[in-house]
Protein backbone atom coordinates (compact mmCIF):
# COMPACT_ATOMS: atom_id res chain seq x y z
CA MET A 1 -0.01 -0.14 -0.22
CA ARG A 2 2.96 1.96 0.97
CA LEU A 3 4.65 1.49 -2.68
CA ALA A 4 1.21 2.60 -4.36
CA LEU A 5 1.17 5.75 -2.39
CA LEU A 6 4.65 6.98 -3.15
CA PHE A 7 4.17 5.92 -6.67
CA LEU A 8 1.17 8.13 -7.13
CA ALA A 9 2.70 10.81 -5.25
CA LEU A 10 5.45 10.85 -8.10
CA LEU A 11 3.43 10.78 -10.81
CA MET A 12 1.67 13.85 -9.51
CA LEU A 13 4.95 15.49 -9.45
CA GLY A 14 6.36 14.15 -12.48
CA GLY A 15 2.84 15.54 -13.98
CA CYS A 16 3.48 18.94 -12.74
CA GLY A 17 6.70 19.08 -14.31
CA MET A 18 5.79 18.24 -17.65
CA GLY A 19 3.39 20.67 -17.80
CA LYS A 20 5.87 23.31 -17.23
CA ALA A 21 7.94 22.10 -19.72
CA VAL A 22 5.20 22.09 -22.47
CA SER A 23 4.32 25.59 -21.24
CA THR A 24 7.64 26.79 -22.02
CA THR A 25 8.45 24.80 -25.37
CA GLY A 26 5.05 26.86 -26.53
CA LYS A 27 6.08 29.84 -25.25
CA MET A 28 9.22 29.30 -26.99
CA PHE A 29 7.63 28.10 -30.61
CA ASP A 30 5.74 31.33 -30.26
CA LYS A 31 8.96 33.60 -29.99
CA TYR A 32 11.16 31.89 -32.89
CA GLY A 33 8.05 31.47 -34.85
CA CYS A 34 7.47 35.51 -35.09
CA MET A 35 11.43 36.14 -35.05
CA SER A 36 11.31 33.97 -38.49
CA ARG A 37 8.14 35.92 -40.00
CA ASP A 38 10.14 39.19 -39.28
CA PHE A 39 13.01 37.53 -41.08
CA LYS A 40 11.33 36.52 -44.06
CA GLY A 41 9.92 40.13 -44.61
CA GLN A 42 6.08 38.77 -43.57
CA ASP A 43 4.26 40.86 -41.86
CA PRO A 44 5.21 41.01 -37.67
CA CYS A 45 3.30 39.36 -35.20
CA GLU A 46 0.80 41.30 -33.51
CA PRO A 47 1.96 42.50 -29.54
CA GLU A 48 1.27 40.03 -26.76
CA GLU A 49 -1.30 41.82 -24.02
CA PRO A 50 0.68 41.09 -20.44
């Protein structure tokens, strides 16, 4: 029983870390996508609202 609870706790902690990694990766794709558009001479991306 203890082993199962420990395993579930580790899965929950690992899931939080993966969620943050996905969020960070998505923001980087947006950043480099806008830089690529600027480099190609296309219309610039609209500025982000805070």
